[in-house]
Protein backbone atom coordinates (compact mmCIF):
# COMPACT_ATOMS: atom_id res chain seq x y z
CA MET A 1 102.15 81.13 105.69
CA GLN A 2 101.90 84.07 108.10
CA LYS A 3 101.88 83.05 111.77
CA TYR A 4 100.08 84.96 114.51
CA ASP A 5 99.37 84.54 118.21
CA LEU A 6 95.65 85.14 117.64
CA ILE A 7 93.29 85.25 114.67
CA VAL A 8 90.05 87.20 115.20
CA ILE A 9 87.29 86.72 112.62
CA GLY A 10 84.93 89.69 112.44
CA SER A 11 85.62 93.37 113.21
CA GLY A 12 82.43 94.23 115.08
CA PRO A 13 82.47 95.29 118.76
CA ALA A 14 83.37 91.78 119.98
CA GLY A 15 86.17 91.27 117.47
CA GLN A 16 87.64 94.74 117.99
CA ARG A 17 87.87 94.38 121.77
CA ALA A 18 89.27 90.86 121.53
CA ALA A 19 91.97 91.98 119.13
CA ILE A 20 92.89 95.08 121.16
CA GLN A 21 92.99 93.15 124.46
CA ALA A 22 95.40 90.61 122.97
CA ALA A 23 97.51 93.32 121.33
CA LYS A 24 97.77 95.20 124.64
CA ALA A 25 99.22 91.98 126.09
CA GLY A 26 101.94 92.03 123.44
CA LYS A 27 100.41 89.44 121.12
CA HIS A 28 100.63 89.47 117.33
CA VAL A 29 97.02 89.67 116.12
CA ALA A 30 95.28 89.31 112.75
CA LEU A 31 91.75 90.70 112.41
CA VAL A 32 89.82 89.36 109.41
CA GLU A 33 86.81 91.28 108.02
CA ARG A 34 84.78 90.25 104.99
CA ARG A 35 83.46 93.78 104.32
CA GLU A 36 85.49 96.44 102.59
CA VAL A 37 84.99 98.58 105.70
CA ILE A 38 85.48 97.57 109.32
CA GLY A 39 83.01 97.71 112.18
CA GLY A 40 80.70 94.83 111.32
CA ALA A 41 76.92 95.14 111.51
CA CYS A 42 77.22 97.37 114.59
CA ILE A 43 78.75 100.32 112.73
CA ASN A 44 77.46 99.68 109.21
CA THR A 45 73.87 98.42 109.43
CA GLY A 46 72.82 97.91 113.06
CA THR A 47 73.52 99.73 116.30
CA ILE A 48 75.15 102.94 115.07
CA PRO A 49 72.82 103.58 112.08
CA SER A 50 69.65 102.84 114.05
CA LYS A 51 70.61 104.95 117.06
CA THR A 52 71.78 107.80 114.84
CA MET A 53 68.55 107.59 112.86
CA ARG A 54 66.65 107.77 116.15
CA GLU A 55 68.45 111.00 117.10
CA ALA A 56 67.73 112.46 113.65
CA VAL A 57 64.06 111.53 114.02
CA LEU A 58 63.83 113.11 117.49
CA HIS A 59 65.51 116.31 116.33
CA LEU A 60 63.74 116.85 112.99
CA SER A 61 60.30 115.89 114.31
CA GLY A 62 60.62 118.21 117.30
CA TYR A 63 59.30 115.38 119.47
CA MET A 64 61.00 116.47 122.68
CA TYR A 65 59.46 119.93 122.57
CA GLN A 66 55.93 119.13 121.48
CA SER A 67 54.72 118.99 125.09
CA VAL A 68 55.90 122.60 125.46
CA TYR A 69 55.22 124.17 122.03
CA GLY A 70 52.28 122.00 120.92
CA MET A 71 51.77 118.82 118.92
CA ASN A 72 52.19 120.67 115.59
CA TYR A 73 55.74 121.81 116.44
CA ARG A 74 58.32 120.59 113.89
CA VAL A 75 61.95 121.45 113.17
CA LYS A 76 61.35 120.42 109.56
CA ASP A 77 57.93 119.93 107.99
CA LYS A 78 58.73 117.40 105.28
CA ILE A 79 61.31 114.91 106.51
CA SER A 80 62.82 112.58 103.89
CA MET A 81 64.91 109.43 104.03
CA ALA A 82 67.76 111.56 102.66
CA ASP A 83 67.57 113.77 105.76
CA LEU A 84 67.89 110.75 108.02
CA SER A 85 70.58 109.08 105.90
CA PHE A 86 72.75 112.22 105.85
CA ARG A 87 73.28 112.18 109.60
CA VAL A 88 73.68 108.40 109.68
CA GLN A 89 76.42 108.36 107.01
CA HIS A 90 78.32 111.13 108.79
CA VAL A 91 78.42 109.17 112.06
CA ILE A 92 79.28 105.88 110.34
CA LYS A 93 82.28 107.47 108.60
CA THR A 94 83.54 108.96 111.86
CA GLU A 95 83.16 105.67 113.75
CA ILE A 96 85.02 103.76 111.03
CA ASP A 97 87.88 106.29 111.15
CA VAL A 98 88.10 106.05 114.95
CA THR A 99 88.10 102.24 114.88
CA GLN A 100 90.74 102.06 112.15
CA ALA A 101 92.96 104.40 114.15
CA GLN A 102 92.60 102.24 117.28
CA LEU A 103 93.49 99.04 115.43
CA SER A 104 96.42 100.67 113.64
CA ARG A 105 97.70 102.18 116.90
CA ASN A 106 97.78 98.71 118.43
CA ASN A 107 99.66 97.19 115.45
CA ILE A 108 96.83 94.81 114.56
CA ASP A 109 97.04 93.37 111.03
CA MET A 110 93.78 93.97 109.14
CA LEU A 111 92.99 91.33 106.53
CA SER A 112 90.11 91.89 104.12
CA GLY A 113 88.24 88.83 102.84
CA VAL A 114 86.07 85.85 103.68
CA ALA A 115 87.57 83.65 106.40
CA SER A 116 87.14 79.87 106.50
CA PHE A 117 88.75 77.21 108.65
CA ILE A 118 91.24 74.78 107.15
CA ASP A 119 91.66 73.10 110.53
CA PRO A 120 91.46 74.32 114.16
CA THR A 121 94.62 76.44 113.88
CA HIS A 122 94.69 77.41 110.19
CA VAL A 123 92.38 79.89 108.46
CA ALA A 124 92.07 80.76 104.78
CA VAL A 125 91.20 84.34 103.77
CA GLU A 126 89.81 84.82 100.25
CA ASN A 127 89.15 88.08 98.44
CA SER A 128 89.20 89.42 94.89
CA ARG A 129 93.01 89.36 94.94
CA GLY A 130 93.28 85.69 95.80
CA ARG A 131 93.67 83.39 98.80
CA THR A 132 95.90 83.75 101.85
CA GLU A 133 96.44 81.18 104.60
CA ILE A 134 97.26 82.20 108.16
CA GLU A 135 97.99 80.26 111.34
CA ALA A 136 97.54 80.88 115.07
CA PRO A 137 97.26 78.75 118.23
CA PHE A 138 94.04 80.63 119.15
CA VAL A 139 91.07 81.80 117.10
CA ILE A 140 88.16 84.01 118.21
CA ILE A 141 84.98 84.02 116.13
CA GLY A 142 83.03 87.28 116.26
CA THR A 143 81.18 87.21 112.95
CA GLY A 144 77.88 88.59 114.27
CA THR A 145 74.48 88.01 112.72
CA LYS A 146 72.31 88.86 109.73
CA PRO A 147 68.54 89.38 109.55
CA ALA A 148 66.68 86.07 109.56
CA ALA A 149 64.84 85.22 106.35
CA SER A 150 61.47 83.57 105.89
CA ALA A 151 59.93 81.90 102.83
CA ARG A 152 56.67 83.60 103.83
CA VAL A 153 58.15 87.09 103.36
CA PRO A 154 59.68 87.84 99.92
CA ILE A 155 62.21 90.59 100.70
CA ASN A 156 62.65 92.95 97.72
CA GLY A 157 64.77 95.66 99.33
CA THR A 158 62.37 98.55 98.65
CA THR A 159 58.82 97.93 99.91
CA ILE A 160 59.44 94.61 101.73
CA ILE A 161 62.65 95.01 103.69
CA ASN A 162 64.69 93.71 106.61
CA SER A 163 66.38 95.85 109.24
CA ASP A 164 69.64 96.11 107.25
CA GLN A 165 67.77 97.79 104.38
CA ILE A 166 65.96 100.59 106.23
CA LEU A 167 68.01 103.38 104.68
CA SER A 168 67.53 101.94 101.18
CA MET A 169 63.81 102.76 101.34
CA PRO A 170 63.14 105.39 98.65
CA ASN A 171 60.58 107.28 100.74
CA ILE A 172 59.13 107.39 104.22
CA PRO A 173 55.90 105.37 103.88
CA ARG A 174 52.53 106.66 105.03
CA THR A 175 51.69 103.24 106.50
CA LEU A 176 54.26 100.66 107.65
CA ILE A 177 53.73 97.06 108.73
CA VAL A 178 56.38 95.86 111.20
CA VAL A 179 56.58 92.10 111.73
CA GLY A 180 58.34 91.27 115.00
CA GLY A 181 57.96 92.79 118.46
CA GLY A 182 61.54 92.27 119.61
CA VAL A 183 64.07 95.05 120.22
CA ILE A 184 64.71 95.87 116.54
CA GLY A 185 61.07 95.82 115.51
CA VAL A 186 59.92 97.95 118.44
CA GLU A 187 62.75 100.48 118.04
CA TYR A 188 61.91 101.10 114.38
CA THR A 189 58.19 101.15 115.17
CA CYS A 190 58.83 104.03 117.57
CA MET A 191 60.95 105.96 115.07
CA PHE A 192 58.47 105.78 112.22
CA ALA A 193 55.52 106.49 114.51
CA THR A 194 57.31 109.64 115.72
CA LEU A 195 57.61 110.72 112.08
CA GLY A 196 53.83 110.45 111.79
CA VAL A 197 53.77 107.09 109.97
CA ARG A 198 50.79 104.87 110.77
CA VAL A 199 52.50 101.69 112.03
CA ILE A 200 50.93 98.27 112.48
CA LEU A 201 53.11 96.03 114.67
CA VAL A 202 52.55 92.27 114.44
CA GLU A 203 53.93 90.06 117.22
CA LYS A 204 53.09 86.40 117.84
CA ARG A 205 53.71 86.61 121.60
CA PRO A 206 51.20 88.12 124.03
CA ARG A 207 53.43 91.10 124.92
CA LEU A 208 56.38 93.04 123.60
CA LEU A 209 59.94 92.67 124.96
CA GLU A 210 59.21 89.74 127.26
CA PHE A 211 62.60 89.96 129.01
CA ALA A 212 61.93 93.51 130.28
CA ASP A 213 59.94 94.63 133.32
CA ALA A 214 56.19 94.36 132.66
CA GLU A 215 55.42 97.86 134.00
CA MET A 216 57.97 99.47 131.68
CA VAL A 217 56.67 97.53 128.67
CA GLU A 218 53.11 98.42 129.59
CA ALA A 219 54.09 102.11 129.68
CA LEU A 220 55.81 101.79 126.30
CA SER A 221 52.78 100.05 124.81
CA TYR A 222 50.59 102.92 126.03
CA HIS A 223 52.87 105.45 124.32
CA LEU A 224 52.87 103.41 121.11
CA ARG A 225 49.08 103.33 121.01
CA ASP A 226 49.02 107.04 121.83
CA SER A 227 51.21 107.54 118.73
CA ARG A 228 48.54 105.77 116.67
CA VAL A 229 50.45 102.48 116.48
CA THR A 230 48.19 99.44 116.09
CA LEU A 231 49.49 96.48 118.13
CA ARG A 232 48.53 93.08 116.73
CA LEU A 233 49.67 90.79 119.54
CA ASN A 234 49.17 87.00 119.50
CA GLU A 235 49.18 87.22 115.72
CA GLU A 236 51.48 85.59 113.17
CA VAL A 237 52.07 86.32 109.49
CA GLU A 238 51.14 83.51 107.13
CA SER A 239 52.22 85.18 103.89
CA VAL A 240 53.12 88.55 102.37
CA GLU A 241 52.26 89.76 98.89
CA GLU A 242 52.28 92.92 96.82
CA SER A 243 48.91 94.02 95.50
CA GLY A 244 47.93 97.21 93.66
CA GLY A 245 50.95 99.20 94.83
CA SER A 246 50.50 98.10 98.46
CA VAL A 247 51.99 95.38 100.62
CA VAL A 248 49.48 92.96 102.12
CA ALA A 249 50.26 90.75 105.12
CA ASN A 250 47.96 87.77 105.53
CA LEU A 251 47.75 86.65 109.15
CA MET A 252 47.22 83.12 110.46
CA SER A 253 43.95 84.36 111.98
CA LYS A 254 42.73 85.14 108.43
CA LYS A 255 43.04 88.90 108.96
CA LYS A 256 44.59 91.02 106.23
CA ILE A 257 46.79 94.07 106.87
CA SER A 258 47.69 96.53 104.14
CA GLY A 259 50.49 99.09 104.10
CA ASP A 260 52.85 101.00 101.81
CA ALA A 261 55.84 99.01 103.10
CA LEU A 262 56.69 96.10 105.41
CA LEU A 263 59.66 95.66 107.74
CA TYR A 264 60.45 92.04 108.62
CA ALA A 265 62.28 92.02 111.96
CA VAL A 266 61.77 88.51 113.33
CA GLY A 267 65.12 87.44 114.74
CA ARG A 268 68.62 87.22 113.35
CA SER A 269 70.85 84.28 112.44
CA GLY A 270 74.58 83.84 112.88
CA ASN A 271 77.06 84.60 110.08
CA VAL A 272 78.60 81.13 109.98
CA ASP A 273 77.74 79.83 106.49
CA GLU A 274 81.20 80.46 104.99
CA LEU A 275 83.34 79.65 108.05
CA ASN A 276 83.58 75.91 107.31
CA LEU A 277 83.12 75.20 111.01
CA ALA A 278 83.23 71.44 110.42
CA ALA A 279 86.93 71.68 109.51
CA ALA A 280 87.53 73.20 112.94
CA GLY A 281 85.54 70.49 114.72
CA ILE A 282 82.67 72.73 115.86
CA GLU A 283 79.12 73.36 114.69
CA ALA A 284 76.30 75.89 114.94
CA ASP A 285 72.60 75.33 115.64
CA ASN A 286 69.79 75.91 113.14
CA ARG A 287 69.92 79.67 113.81
CA GLY A 288 73.67 79.88 113.27
CA ARG A 289 74.51 80.23 116.96
CA ILE A 290 77.70 78.69 118.35
CA THR A 291 77.60 77.08 121.79
CA VAL A 292 80.27 78.23 124.25
CA ASP A 293 81.11 77.74 127.94
CA ALA A 294 81.42 80.42 130.62
CA ASP A 295 84.84 81.43 129.21
CA PHE A 296 83.40 81.69 125.65
CA ARG A 297 85.33 78.59 124.61
CA THR A 298 83.76 76.32 122.00
CA LYS A 299 84.02 72.53 122.07
CA GLN A 300 87.37 73.04 120.35
CA PRO A 301 89.55 74.31 123.26
CA ASN A 302 91.63 76.78 121.22
CA ILE A 303 88.62 78.38 119.48
CA PHE A 304 86.40 80.96 121.17
CA ALA A 305 83.17 82.60 120.00
CA VAL A 306 81.81 85.94 121.19
CA GLY A 307 79.13 88.52 120.42
CA ASP A 308 75.83 88.07 118.66
CA VAL A 309 76.94 84.81 117.04
CA ILE A 310 76.54 83.07 120.44
CA GLY A 311 73.00 84.47 120.98
CA PHE A 312 71.27 86.40 123.77
CA PRO A 313 71.59 89.17 124.86
CA SER A 314 73.06 90.38 121.54
CA LEU A 315 74.02 93.81 122.86
CA ALA A 316 77.02 95.71 121.47
CA SER A 317 78.15 96.60 125.00
CA VAL A 318 78.05 92.97 126.11
CA SER A 319 79.76 91.82 122.91
CA MET A 320 82.68 94.14 123.67
CA GLU A 321 83.04 92.65 127.12
CA GLN A 322 82.81 89.08 125.80
CA GLY A 323 85.57 89.77 123.29
CA ARG A 324 87.81 91.23 125.98
CA ILE A 325 87.21 88.30 128.33
CA ALA A 326 87.75 85.67 125.62
CA ALA A 327 91.13 87.14 124.67
CA GLY A 328 92.09 87.22 128.33
CA ARG A 329 91.11 83.58 128.85
CA ALA A 330 93.04 82.50 125.74
CA PHE A 331 96.32 83.96 127.04
CA GLY A 332 95.80 83.49 130.77
CA ILE A 333 95.31 87.20 131.46
CA PRO A 334 93.42 87.64 134.77
CA LEU A 335 90.25 89.57 133.89
CA HIS A 336 87.07 89.99 135.91
CA SER A 337 83.53 90.55 134.70
CA ASN A 338 80.03 90.35 136.17
CA PRO A 339 77.53 88.98 133.60
CA GLU A 340 74.66 89.02 136.07
CA ASN A 341 74.86 92.81 136.26
CA TYR A 342 75.17 93.82 132.62
CA PRO A 343 72.89 96.78 131.82
CA TYR A 344 70.33 96.73 129.03
CA GLY A 345 69.51 99.69 126.82
CA ILE A 346 66.52 99.61 124.46
CA TYR A 347 66.40 102.70 122.26
CA THR A 348 62.69 103.00 121.84
CA ILE A 349 60.89 106.35 122.11
CA PRO A 350 60.93 106.80 125.06
CA GLU A 351 64.05 104.78 125.98
CA ILE A 352 63.97 101.79 128.30
CA SER A 353 67.01 100.80 130.33
CA PHE A 354 67.39 98.39 133.23
CA ILE A 355 69.72 96.29 135.33
CA GLY A 356 69.09 93.49 137.80
CA LYS A 357 65.88 91.61 138.48
CA THR A 358 62.34 92.39 137.41
CA GLU A 359 59.37 92.25 139.76
CA GLU A 360 58.17 89.11 137.97
CA GLN A 361 61.48 87.31 138.56
CA LEU A 362 61.62 88.27 142.24
CA THR A 363 58.03 87.20 142.80
CA GLU A 364 58.78 83.84 141.21
CA ASP A 365 61.84 83.44 143.47
CA ASP A 366 59.86 84.39 146.63
CA VAL A 367 62.15 87.32 147.40
CA PRO A 368 60.61 89.95 149.74
CA TYR A 369 61.00 93.25 147.93
CA GLU A 370 59.65 96.78 147.89
CA VAL A 371 59.39 99.28 145.07
CA GLY A 372 60.05 103.02 144.94
CA VAL A 373 58.99 105.03 141.90
CA ALA A 374 59.80 108.56 140.75
CA TYR A 375 58.12 110.34 137.84
CA TYR A 376 59.89 112.70 135.47
CA ARG A 377 56.85 115.03 135.60
CA GLU A 378 57.52 115.63 139.31
CA ILE A 379 61.19 116.44 138.72
CA ALA A 380 62.05 119.95 137.53
CA ARG A 381 64.48 118.64 134.92
CA GLY A 382 61.72 116.52 133.40
CA GLN A 383 59.59 119.63 132.88
CA ILE A 384 62.57 121.57 131.48
CA ARG A 385 63.38 118.80 129.00
CA GLY A 386 59.77 118.41 128.00
CA ASP A 387 59.61 114.75 129.05
CA THR A 388 56.74 114.33 131.48
CA THR A 389 56.09 110.66 130.73
CA GLY A 390 59.26 109.04 132.10
CA ARG A 391 59.62 107.18 135.36
CA LEU A 392 62.34 105.46 137.40
CA LYS A 393 61.71 102.36 139.51
CA LEU A 394 64.00 101.09 142.27
CA ILE A 395 63.44 97.53 143.51
CA PHE A 396 65.11 96.70 146.82
CA HIS A 397 65.06 93.97 149.48
CA ARG A 398 62.59 94.76 152.26
CA GLU A 399 64.94 93.60 155.03
CA THR A 400 68.48 94.34 153.86
CA HIS A 401 67.58 97.34 151.65
CA LYS A 402 69.95 95.89 149.03
CA ILE A 403 69.15 97.14 145.52
CA LEU A 404 67.82 94.29 143.39
CA GLY A 405 66.91 96.12 140.21
CA VAL A 406 66.70 99.50 138.53
CA HIS A 407 64.21 100.06 135.71
CA ILE A 408 63.79 103.33 133.78
CA ILE A 409 61.63 104.51 130.91
CA GLY A 410 62.15 108.02 129.55
CA GLU A 411 64.63 110.08 127.61
CA GLY A 412 68.19 109.61 128.84
CA ALA A 413 67.28 106.31 130.54
CA SER A 414 70.36 104.49 129.23
CA GLU A 415 72.64 107.19 130.68
CA LEU A 416 70.70 107.65 133.93
CA LEU A 417 70.81 103.92 134.66
CA HIS A 418 74.55 103.93 135.31
CA ILE A 419 74.15 105.76 138.62
CA GLY A 420 71.99 102.94 139.93
CA GLN A 421 74.30 100.39 138.35
CA ALA A 422 77.32 101.70 140.27
CA VAL A 423 75.54 101.76 143.63
CA MET A 424 74.00 98.34 143.06
CA ILE A 425 77.23 96.60 142.04
CA LEU A 426 79.22 98.20 144.88
CA GLY A 427 76.63 96.91 147.36
CA GLY A 428 75.16 100.22 148.47
CA PRO A 429 71.67 100.10 150.02
CA VAL A 430 68.72 102.11 148.77
CA ASP A 431 69.34 104.46 151.73
CA TYR A 432 72.40 105.77 149.86
CA PHE A 433 70.14 107.76 147.57
CA VAL A 434 68.31 109.36 150.50
CA ASP A 435 71.59 110.52 152.06
CA THR A 436 73.13 111.79 148.83
CA VAL A 437 72.77 115.29 147.38
CA PHE A 438 72.21 115.40 143.62
CA ASN A 439 72.70 118.43 141.40
CA TYR A 440 69.52 120.42 140.90
CA PRO A 441 67.81 120.34 138.50
CA THR A 442 68.80 116.93 137.11
CA LEU A 443 67.05 113.68 136.25
CA ALA A 444 69.39 112.03 138.76
CA GLU A 445 67.12 113.41 141.47
CA CYS A 446 64.71 110.64 140.46
CA TYR A 447 66.87 108.26 142.50
CA LYS A 448 66.32 110.28 145.66
CA ALA A 449 62.57 110.61 145.04
CA ALA A 450 62.23 106.89 144.28
CA ALA A 451 64.21 105.94 147.39
CA PHE A 452 61.99 108.10 149.61
CA ASN A 453 58.90 106.64 147.95
CA GLY A 454 60.00 103.07 148.60
CA LEU A 455 61.29 103.54 152.14
CA ASN A 456 58.14 105.44 153.15
CA LYS A 457 56.12 102.36 152.25
CA LEU A 458 58.18 100.31 154.72
CA SER A 459 57.52 102.81 157.51
CA ARG A 460 53.81 101.98 157.39
CA PHE A 461 54.41 98.51 158.79
């Protein structure tokens, strides 16, 4: 039986960073992956494919230049799934090569197969070549998630699909029903709407993306409707059937919705079915999520869990950090992180990115705040880029001027956010942006404009 210092199960972002952190500390690490290729859902079916597909959609549709050259402007008239898949497969291959090189460079043993616990310190790995047993004093679970299934929605992989099967669609549909108004559902709604698909989005809650700032979500909802998306909020699907070459969704409210295809994107569940968690003395909830403490330790002290398998926020960036921290905690490596200030990036069209508190949260906590807003249309770079719909919102304390939140909607939002993130985490006041010179023309100037806008409101009192 091969002995290691650490066994990591799952080679997604969380597992990779956990393995590399331990290896950098001189530990002998085994990384187990059930797929034939590494990278987990992030590289193979989730983050990388969806964000690459988004870039392909933006480029081929000519979306970013339609405000300049007209709504009929296209880079390619007839866009196919093959066009989108070509770019996606290229990026996936490159990411896999880069990841394999990193793991190899750090002398991490890659084991291919399905991992299952024998006991808290022993793991069996089974593949087509047989069964191997390995041992380590610490184990980190980073197995990620899979699309949740529902008996109401008979997935067939072609016209009724989940988010892992997007690229297996034979054609781009003329009409698409999207069930689920969370991050995945809304991101794909935006992509297909940009391609000219008539999208009907069904969400049982009263608004989309409930964890994001209401103003940003309201702006996104406006853009969706402007792209001919039909939002069916406060609605729930009762059943789905195929009829006469179409897909029909029957709603609880007795409405019927018809489309060429349906994407079911209501939640994800943890990949824990084959882990034999009971043998390790731990369990998962009914959605496959494993409960952990602040150090990502499960109820079994030597076993940690990180990434999407532990639930919200289920972001690749956060999963990487969780993996790094868990490995550090296992071996007593002093590492620091700041979970309260993790940034969020939602790759809708336009993007939404934010950090810190929302106006709703601050109002509920009775915090005196003020808001400064800048609009891309008033910034030269916004006009140059052809994005006149974006905006940046700074929320700061009325008395101390401490930055409490940064919220952005618009192209490049997830990149632009990091300027505000740095100032906020280092404790700089909103006045910093007034006193700082930004390159011209850049979208970064939005910070200066927003700061002036907010501080000018205070001067009225």
